[in-house]
């Protein structure tokens, strides 16, 4: 697959060209905020599991996995947010 140029950004109304847009990828572990709805649907609707059911591959119960705190990436992206403002 060849490289594609990103679509041109819309004018920001200031008369200046829009700031570049970029995508930042960070290594992650476990579920994150936007993944919990999908995980609940998978565990409860598709697999018909209950909160106390074990998930041996992950060494925890369904409830433990869904209640585990997720990592905050704010510390890693804060300098980028400050630099962009």
PDB file of N, CA and C in Angstrom:
ATOM      1  N   UNK A   1       0.837  -1.170   0.000  1.00  0.00           N
ATOM      2  CA  UNK A   1       0.000   0.000   0.000  1.00  0.00           C
ATOM      3  C   UNK A   1       0.888   1.240   0.000  1.00  0.00           C
ATOM      4  N   UNK A   2       0.614   2.172  -0.859  1.00  0.00           N
ATOM      5  CA  UNK A   2       1.414   3.383  -0.941  1.00  0.00           C
ATOM      6  C   UNK A   2       1.058   4.384   0.137  1.00  0.00           C
ATOM      7  N   UNK A   3       1.912   5.363   0.286  1.00  0.00           N
ATOM      8  CA  UNK A   3       1.638   6.424   1.257  1.00  0.00           C
ATOM      9  C   UNK A   3       0.599   7.375   0.707  1.00  0.00           C
ATOM     10  N   UNK A   4      -0.219   7.853   1.589  1.00  0.00           N
ATOM     11  CA  UNK A   4      -1.229   8.836   1.204  1.00  0.00           C
ATOM     12  C   UNK A   4      -0.975  10.117   1.962  1.00  0.00           C
ATOM     13  N   UNK A   5      -1.201  11.211   1.309  1.00  0.00           N
ATOM     14  CA  UNK A   5      -1.112  12.491   1.998  1.00  0.00           C
ATOM     15  C   UNK A   5      -2.381  12.696   2.802  1.00  0.00           C
ATOM     16  N   UNK A   6      -2.233  13.240   4.033  1.00  0.00           N
ATOM     17  CA  UNK A   6      -3.447  13.510   4.802  1.00  0.00           C
ATOM     18  C   UNK A   6      -4.274  14.582   4.126  1.00  0.00           C
ATOM     19  N   UNK A   7      -5.592  14.574   4.324  1.00  0.00           N
ATOM     20  CA  UNK A   7      -6.425  15.612   3.712  1.00  0.00           C
ATOM     21  C   UNK A   7      -6.023  16.988   4.230  1.00  0.00           C
ATOM     22  N   UNK A   8      -6.192  17.987   3.414  1.00  0.00           N
ATOM     23  CA  UNK A   8      -5.862  19.345   3.816  1.00  0.00           C
ATOM     24  C   UNK A   8      -6.786  19.780   4.948  1.00  0.00           C
ATOM     25  N   UNK A   9      -6.190  20.394   5.960  1.00  0.00           N
ATOM     26  CA  UNK A   9      -6.976  20.859   7.101  1.00  0.00           C
ATOM     27  C   UNK A   9      -7.777  22.089   6.705  1.00  0.00           C
ATOM     28  N   UNK A  10      -8.911  22.234   7.340  1.00  0.00           N
ATOM     29  CA  UNK A  10      -9.750  23.403   7.113  1.00  0.00           C
ATOM     30  C   UNK A  10      -9.072  24.643   7.692  1.00  0.00           C
ATOM     31  N   UNK A  11      -9.381  25.784   7.158  1.00  0.00           N
ATOM     32  CA  UNK A  11      -8.865  27.040   7.695  1.00  0.00           C
ATOM     33  C   UNK A  11      -9.372  27.218   9.112  1.00  0.00           C
ATOM     34  N   UNK A  12      -8.511  27.771   9.965  1.00  0.00           N
ATOM     35  CA  UNK A  12      -8.928  27.982  11.349  1.00  0.00           C
ATOM     36  C   UNK A  12      -9.579  29.351  11.560  1.00  0.00           C
ATOM     37  N   UNK A  13      -9.795  30.109  10.480  1.00  0.00           N
ATOM     38  CA  UNK A  13     -10.475  31.384  10.561  1.00  0.00           C
ATOM     39  C   UNK A  13      -9.592  32.540  10.994  1.00  0.00           C
ATOM     40  N   UNK A  14      -8.318  32.280  11.313  1.00  0.00           N
ATOM     41  CA  UNK A  14      -7.437  33.339  11.785  1.00  0.00           C
ATOM     42  C   UNK A  14      -6.641  33.985  10.656  1.00  0.00           C
ATOM     43  N   UNK A  15      -6.726  33.443   9.462  1.00  0.00           N
ATOM     44  CA  UNK A  15      -5.913  33.933   8.363  1.00  0.00           C
ATOM     45  C   UNK A  15      -4.547  33.266   8.314  1.00  0.00           C
ATOM     46  N   UNK A  16      -4.240  32.479   9.342  1.00  0.00           N
ATOM     47  CA  UNK A  16      -2.978  31.748   9.377  1.00  0.00           C
ATOM     48  C   UNK A  16      -3.231  30.311   8.948  1.00  0.00           C
ATOM     49  N   UNK A  17      -2.213  29.673   8.391  1.00  0.00           N
ATOM     50  CA  UNK A  17      -2.412  28.259   8.051  1.00  0.00           C
ATOM     51  C   UNK A  17      -2.680  27.446   9.309  1.00  0.00           C
ATOM     52  N   UNK A  18      -3.460  26.381   9.205  1.00  0.00           N
ATOM     53  CA  UNK A  18      -3.754  25.561  10.388  1.00  0.00           C
ATOM     54  C   UNK A  18      -2.482  24.879  10.887  1.00  0.00           C
ATOM     55  N   UNK A  19      -2.459  24.607  12.178  1.00  0.00           N
ATOM     56  CA  UNK A  19      -1.335  23.870  12.762  1.00  0.00           C
ATOM     57  C   UNK A  19      -1.315  22.459  12.208  1.00  0.00           C
ATOM     58  N   UNK A  20      -0.126  21.882  12.138  1.00  0.00           N
ATOM     59  CA  UNK A  20      -0.067  20.487  11.688  1.00  0.00           C
ATOM     60  C   UNK A  20      -0.798  19.563  12.666  1.00  0.00           C
ATOM     61  N   UNK A  21      -1.379  18.531  12.145  1.00  0.00           N
ATOM     62  CA  UNK A  21      -2.033  17.524  12.960  1.00  0.00           C
ATOM     63  C   UNK A  21      -1.129  16.309  12.998  1.00  0.00           C
ATOM     64  N   UNK A  22      -1.030  15.670  14.130  1.00  0.00           N
ATOM     65  CA  UNK A  22      -0.200  14.482  14.212  1.00  0.00           C
ATOM     66  C   UNK A  22      -0.879  13.440  15.083  1.00  0.00           C
ATOM     67  N   UNK A  23      -0.392  12.233  14.949  1.00  0.00           N
ATOM     68  CA  UNK A  23      -0.902  11.108  15.716  1.00  0.00           C
ATOM     69  C   UNK A  23       0.234  10.617  16.591  1.00  0.00           C
ATOM     70  N   UNK A  24      -0.033  10.444  17.864  1.00  0.00           N
ATOM     71  CA  UNK A  24       0.963   9.995  18.812  1.00  0.00           C
ATOM     72  C   UNK A  24       0.567   8.613  19.309  1.00  0.00           C
ATOM     73  N   UNK A  25       1.472   7.662  19.224  1.00  0.00           N
ATOM     74  CA  UNK A  25       1.209   6.310  19.706  1.00  0.00           C
ATOM     75  C   UNK A  25       2.046   6.032  20.945  1.00  0.00           C
ATOM     76  N   UNK A  26       1.423   5.554  21.995  1.00  0.00           N
ATOM     77  CA  UNK A  26       2.120   5.202  23.229  1.00  0.00           C
ATOM     78  C   UNK A  26       1.876   3.738  23.537  1.00  0.00           C
ATOM     79  N   UNK A  27       2.906   3.064  24.029  1.00  0.00           N
ATOM     80  CA  UNK A  27       2.731   1.672  24.441  1.00  0.00           C
ATOM     81  C   UNK A  27       1.724   1.629  25.586  1.00  0.00           C
ATOM     82  N   UNK A  28       0.879   0.633  25.589  1.00  0.00           N
ATOM     83  CA  UNK A  28      -0.132   0.553  26.638  1.00  0.00           C
ATOM     84  C   UNK A  28      -0.219  -0.860  27.194  1.00  0.00           C
ATOM     85  N   UNK A  29      -0.835  -0.958  28.338  1.00  0.00           N
ATOM     86  CA  UNK A  29      -1.097  -2.249  28.955  1.00  0.00           C
ATOM     87  C   UNK A  29      -2.542  -2.252  29.421  1.00  0.00           C
ATOM     88  N   UNK A  30      -3.233  -3.336  29.201  1.00  0.00           N
ATOM     89  CA  UNK A  30      -4.595  -3.464  29.703  1.00  0.00           C
ATOM     90  C   UNK A  30      -5.611  -2.610  28.978  1.00  0.00           C
ATOM     91  N   UNK A  31      -6.787  -2.575  29.569  1.00  0.00           N
ATOM     92  CA  UNK A  31      -7.881  -1.810  29.003  1.00  0.00           C
ATOM     93  C   UNK A  31      -7.747  -0.335  29.334  1.00  0.00           C
ATOM     94  N   UNK A  32      -8.360   0.475  28.512  1.00  0.00           N
ATOM     95  CA  UNK A  32      -8.387   1.912  28.748  1.00  0.00           C
ATOM     96  C   UNK A  32      -9.810   2.400  28.592  1.00  0.00           C
ATOM     97  N   UNK A  33     -10.050   3.623  28.956  1.00  0.00           N
ATOM     98  CA  UNK A  33     -11.394   4.169  29.058  1.00  0.00           C
ATOM     99  C   UNK A  33     -12.290   3.802  27.890  1.00  0.00           C
ATOM    100  N   UNK A  34     -11.824   3.995  26.673  1.00  0.00           N
ATOM    101  CA  UNK A  34     -12.697   3.730  25.535  1.00  0.00           C
ATOM    102  C   UNK A  34     -12.820   2.247  25.209  1.00  0.00           C
ATOM    103  N   UNK A  35     -12.111   1.373  25.910  1.00  0.00           N
ATOM    104  CA  UNK A  35     -12.201  -0.054  25.650  1.00  0.00           C
ATOM    105  C   UNK A  35     -13.116  -0.808  26.591  1.00  0.00           C
ATOM    106  N   UNK A  36     -13.545  -0.175  27.672  1.00  0.00           N
ATOM    107  CA  UNK A  36     -14.354  -0.887  28.656  1.00  0.00           C
ATOM    108  C   UNK A  36     -15.736  -1.258  28.141  1.00  0.00           C
ATOM    109  N   UNK A  37     -16.347  -0.422  27.348  1.00  0.00           N
ATOM    110  CA  UNK A  37     -17.671  -0.766  26.799  1.00  0.00           C
ATOM    111  C   UNK A  37     -17.575  -1.998  25.924  1.00  0.00           C
ATOM    112  N   UNK A  38     -16.547  -2.058  25.103  1.00  0.00           N
ATOM    113  CA  UNK A  38     -16.346  -3.217  24.244  1.00  0.00           C
ATOM    114  C   UNK A  38     -16.051  -4.462  25.082  1.00  0.00           C
ATOM    115  N   UNK A  39     -15.214  -4.326  26.105  1.00  0.00           N
ATOM    116  CA  UNK A  39     -14.874  -5.468  26.957  1.00  0.00           C
ATOM    117  C   UNK A  39     -16.108  -5.988  27.687  1.00  0.00           C
ATOM    118  N   UNK A  40     -16.926  -5.090  28.227  1.00  0.00           N
ATOM    119  CA  UNK A  40     -18.155  -5.533  28.910  1.00  0.00           C
ATOM    120  C   UNK A  40     -19.069  -6.281  27.942  1.00  0.00           C
ATOM    121  N   UNK A  41     -19.202  -5.754  26.755  1.00  0.00           N
ATOM    122  CA  UNK A  41     -20.053  -6.418  25.759  1.00  0.00           C
ATOM    123  C   UNK A  41     -19.505  -7.811  25.427  1.00  0.00           C
ATOM    124  N   UNK A  42     -18.203  -7.902  25.258  1.00  0.00           N
ATOM    125  CA  UNK A  42     -17.577  -9.183  24.952  1.00  0.00           C
ATOM    126  C   UNK A  42     -17.795 -10.181  26.082  1.00  0.00           C
ATOM    127  N   UNK A  43     -17.445  -9.777  27.313  1.00  0.00           N
ATOM    128  CA  UNK A  43     -17.564 -10.696  28.444  1.00  0.00           C
ATOM    129  C   UNK A  43     -19.010 -11.093  28.730  1.00  0.00           C
ATOM    130  N   UNK A  44     -19.894 -10.123  28.804  1.00  0.00           N
ATOM    131  CA  UNK A  44     -21.243 -10.397  29.283  1.00  0.00           C
ATOM    132  C   UNK A  44     -22.223 -10.804  28.189  1.00  0.00           C
ATOM    133  N   UNK A  45     -22.173 -10.166  27.031  1.00  0.00           N
ATOM    134  CA  UNK A  45     -23.144 -10.478  25.978  1.00  0.00           C
ATOM    135  C   UNK A  45     -22.668 -11.599  25.062  1.00  0.00           C
ATOM    136  N   UNK A  46     -21.438 -11.517  24.619  1.00  0.00           N
ATOM    137  CA  UNK A  46     -20.943 -12.510  23.652  1.00  0.00           C
ATOM    138  C   UNK A  46     -20.525 -13.810  24.322  1.00  0.00           C
ATOM    139  N   UNK A  47     -19.754 -13.718  25.416  1.00  0.00           N
ATOM    140  CA  UNK A  47     -19.239 -14.915  26.081  1.00  0.00           C
ATOM    141  C   UNK A  47     -20.130 -15.401  27.217  1.00  0.00           C
ATOM    142  N   UNK A  48     -21.156 -14.604  27.568  1.00  0.00           N
ATOM    143  CA  UNK A  48     -22.105 -14.965  28.634  1.00  0.00           C
ATOM    144  C   UNK A  48     -21.396 -15.271  29.950  1.00  0.00           C
ATOM    145  N   UNK A  49     -20.354 -14.500  30.255  1.00  0.00           N
ATOM    146  CA  UNK A  49     -19.622 -14.689  31.501  1.00  0.00           C
ATOM    147  C   UNK A  49     -20.261 -13.838  32.592  1.00  0.00           C
ATOM    148  N   UNK A  50     -19.910 -14.155  33.835  1.00  0.00           N
ATOM    149  CA  UNK A  50     -20.382 -13.400  34.989  1.00  0.00           C
ATOM    150  C   UNK A  50     -19.175 -12.730  35.643  1.00  0.00           C
ATOM    151  N   UNK A  51     -19.387 -11.704  36.464  1.00  0.00           N
ATOM    152  CA  UNK A  51     -18.259 -10.984  37.055  1.00  0.00           C
ATOM    153  C   UNK A  51     -17.255 -11.867  37.795  1.00  0.00           C
ATOM    154  N   UNK A  52     -17.724 -12.900  38.475  1.00  0.00           N
ATOM    155  CA  UNK A  52     -16.820 -13.757  39.246  1.00  0.00           C
ATOM    156  C   UNK A  52     -16.116 -14.828  38.446  1.00  0.00           C
ATOM    157  N   UNK A  53     -16.440 -14.956  37.163  1.00  0.00           N
ATOM    158  CA  UNK A  53     -15.814 -15.993  36.342  1.00  0.00           C
ATOM    159  C   UNK A  53     -14.332 -15.699  36.130  1.00  0.00           C
ATOM    160  N   UNK A  54     -13.498 -16.733  36.244  1.00  0.00           N
ATOM    161  CA  UNK A  54     -12.067 -16.520  36.027  1.00  0.00           C
ATOM    162  C   UNK A  54     -11.732 -16.388  34.541  1.00  0.00           C
ATOM    163  N   UNK A  55     -10.693 -15.634  34.274  1.00  0.00           N
ATOM    164  CA  UNK A  55     -10.112 -15.533  32.928  1.00  0.00           C
ATOM    165  C   UNK A  55      -8.675 -16.016  33.100  1.00  0.00           C
ATOM    166  N   UNK A  56      -8.459 -17.340  32.995  1.00  0.00           N
ATOM    167  CA  UNK A  56      -7.147 -17.916  33.315  1.00  0.00           C
ATOM    168  C   UNK A  56      -5.989 -17.303  32.515  1.00  0.00           C
ATOM    169  N   UNK A  57      -6.246 -16.957  31.275  1.00  0.00           N
ATOM    170  CA  UNK A  57      -5.186 -16.399  30.432  1.00  0.00           C
ATOM    171  C   UNK A  57      -4.656 -15.076  30.988  1.00  0.00           C
ATOM    172  N   UNK A  58      -5.488 -14.384  31.741  1.00  0.00           N
ATOM    173  CA  UNK A  58      -5.094 -13.081  32.292  1.00  0.00           C
ATOM    174  C   UNK A  58      -4.903 -13.126  33.802  1.00  0.00           C
ATOM    175  N   UNK A  59      -5.152 -14.286  34.419  1.00  0.00           N
ATOM    176  CA  UNK A  59      -4.908 -14.459  35.845  1.00  0.00           C
ATOM    177  C   UNK A  59      -5.801 -13.638  36.748  1.00  0.00           C
ATOM    178  N   UNK A  60      -7.028 -13.390  36.336  1.00  0.00           N
ATOM    179  CA  UNK A  60      -7.950 -12.584  37.133  1.00  0.00           C
ATOM    180  C   UNK A  60      -9.382 -12.946  36.764  1.00  0.00           C
ATOM    181  N   UNK A  61     -10.320 -12.485  37.580  1.00  0.00           N
ATOM    182  CA  UNK A  61     -11.728 -12.668  37.240  1.00  0.00           C
ATOM    183  C   UNK A  61     -12.163 -11.542  36.302  1.00  0.00           C
ATOM    184  N   UNK A  62     -13.318 -11.716  35.700  1.00  0.00           N
ATOM    185  CA  UNK A  62     -13.881 -10.678  34.834  1.00  0.00           C
ATOM    186  C   UNK A  62     -14.011  -9.375  35.624  1.00  0.00           C
ATOM    187  N   UNK A  63     -14.529  -9.443  36.850  1.00  0.00           N
ATOM    188  CA  UNK A  63     -14.699  -8.239  37.672  1.00  0.00           C
ATOM    189  C   UNK A  63     -13.363  -7.566  37.944  1.00  0.00           C
ATOM    190  N   UNK A  64     -12.344  -8.342  38.293  1.00  0.00           N
ATOM    191  CA  UNK A  64     -11.035  -7.758  38.578  1.00  0.00           C
ATOM    192  C   UNK A  64     -10.470  -7.039  37.349  1.00  0.00           C
ATOM    193  N   UNK A  65     -10.659  -7.636  36.195  1.00  0.00           N
ATOM    194  CA  UNK A  65     -10.163  -7.012  34.965  1.00  0.00           C
ATOM    195  C   UNK A  65     -10.899  -5.710  34.658  1.00  0.00           C
ATOM    196  N   UNK A  66     -12.225  -5.731  34.855  1.00  0.00           N
ATOM    197  CA  UNK A  66     -13.003  -4.536  34.532  1.00  0.00           C
ATOM    198  C   UNK A  66     -12.875  -3.440  35.588  1.00  0.00           C
ATOM    199  N   UNK A  67     -12.479  -3.795  36.795  1.00  0.00           N
ATOM    200  CA  UNK A  67     -12.338  -2.800  37.857  1.00  0.00           C
ATOM    201  C   UNK A  67     -10.904  -2.315  38.044  1.00  0.00           C
ATOM    202  N   UNK A  68      -9.972  -2.911  37.335  1.00  0.00           N
ATOM    203  CA  UNK A  68      -8.572  -2.500  37.469  1.00  0.00           C
ATOM    204  C   UNK A  68      -8.393  -1.064  36.973  1.00  0.00           C
ATOM    205  N   UNK A  69      -7.662  -0.243  37.721  1.00  0.00           N
ATOM    206  CA  UNK A  69      -7.442   1.126  37.257  1.00  0.00           C
ATOM    207  C   UNK A  69      -6.606   1.125  35.979  1.00  0.00           C
ATOM    208  N   UNK A  70      -6.863   2.077  35.139  1.00  0.00           N
ATOM    209  CA  UNK A  70      -6.068   2.167  33.918  1.00  0.00           C
ATOM    210  C   UNK A  70      -5.029   3.268  34.062  1.00  0.00           C
ATOM    211  N   UNK A  71      -3.999   3.143  33.284  1.00  0.00           N
ATOM    212  CA  UNK A  71      -2.888   4.088  33.332  1.00  0.00           C
ATOM    213  C   UNK A  71      -3.306   5.425  32.726  1.00  0.00           C
ATOM    214  N   UNK A  72      -2.876   6.487  33.365  1.00  0.00           N
ATOM    215  CA  UNK A  72      -3.097   7.827  32.818  1.00  0.00           C
ATOM    216  C   UNK A  72      -1.858   8.227  32.021  1.00  0.00           C
ATOM    217  N   UNK A  73      -2.075   8.731  30.833  1.00  0.00           N
ATOM    218  CA  UNK A  73      -0.965   9.140  29.971  1.00  0.00           C
ATOM    219  C   UNK A  73      -0.743  10.645  29.999  1.00  0.00           C
ATOM    220  N   UNK A  74      -1.430  11.330  30.908  1.00  0.00           N
ATOM    221  CA  UNK A  74      -1.339  12.784  30.948  1.00  0.00           C
ATOM    222  C   UNK A  74       0.103  13.258  31.154  1.00  0.00           C
ATOM    223  N   UNK A  75       0.821  12.604  32.038  1.00  0.00           N
ATOM    224  CA  UNK A  75       2.201  13.009  32.318  1.00  0.00           C
ATOM    225  C   UNK A  75       3.067  12.951  31.060  1.00  0.00           C
ATOM    226  N   UNK A  76       2.834  11.956  30.218  1.00  0.00           N
ATOM    227  CA  UNK A  76       3.621  11.824  28.998  1.00  0.00           C
ATOM    228  C   UNK A  76       3.249  12.869  27.949  1.00  0.00           C
ATOM    229  N   UNK A  77       1.983  13.254  27.878  1.00  0.00           N
ATOM    230  CA  UNK A  77       1.581  14.182  26.818  1.00  0.00           C
ATOM    231  C   UNK A  77       1.505  15.633  27.262  1.00  0.00           C
ATOM    232  N   UNK A  78       1.583  15.879  28.570  1.00  0.00           N
ATOM    233  CA  UNK A  78       1.498  17.256  29.056  1.00  0.00           C
ATOM    234  C   UNK A  78       2.513  18.181  28.383  1.00  0.00           C
ATOM    235  N   UNK A  79       3.796  17.798  28.255  1.00  0.00           N
ATOM    236  CA  UNK A  79       4.748  18.707  27.588  1.00  0.00           C
ATOM    237  C   UNK A  79       4.357  19.005  26.151  1.00  0.00           C
ATOM    238  N   UNK A  80       3.760  18.045  25.478  1.00  0.00           N
ATOM    239  CA  UNK A  80       3.317  18.289  24.094  1.00  0.00           C
ATOM    240  C   UNK A  80       2.158  19.262  24.057  1.00  0.00           C
ATOM    241  N   UNK A  81       1.250  19.129  25.004  1.00  0.00           N
ATOM    242  CA  UNK A  81       0.107  20.052  25.068  1.00  0.00           C
ATOM    243  C   UNK A  81       0.582  21.471  25.376  1.00  0.00           C
ATOM    244  N   UNK A  82       1.547  21.574  26.303  1.00  0.00           N
ATOM    245  CA  UNK A  82       2.093  22.891  26.639  1.00  0.00           C
ATOM    246  C   UNK A  82       2.793  23.510  25.443  1.00  0.00           C
ATOM    247  N   UNK A  83       3.555  22.708  24.712  1.00  0.00           N
ATOM    248  CA  UNK A  83       4.293  23.210  23.546  1.00  0.00           C
ATOM    249  C   UNK A  83       3.349  23.652  22.430  1.00  0.00           C
ATOM    250  N   UNK A  84       2.178  23.010  22.344  1.00  0.00           N
ATOM    251  CA  UNK A  84       1.234  23.313  21.265  1.00  0.00           C
ATOM    252  C   UNK A  84       0.420  24.584  21.546  1.00  0.00           C
ATOM    253  N   UNK A  85       0.412  25.038  22.812  1.00  0.00           N
ATOM    254  CA  UNK A  85      -0.415  26.208  23.112  1.00  0.00           C
ATOM    255  C   UNK A  85       0.376  27.502  23.067  1.00  0.00           C
TER     256      UNK A  85
END
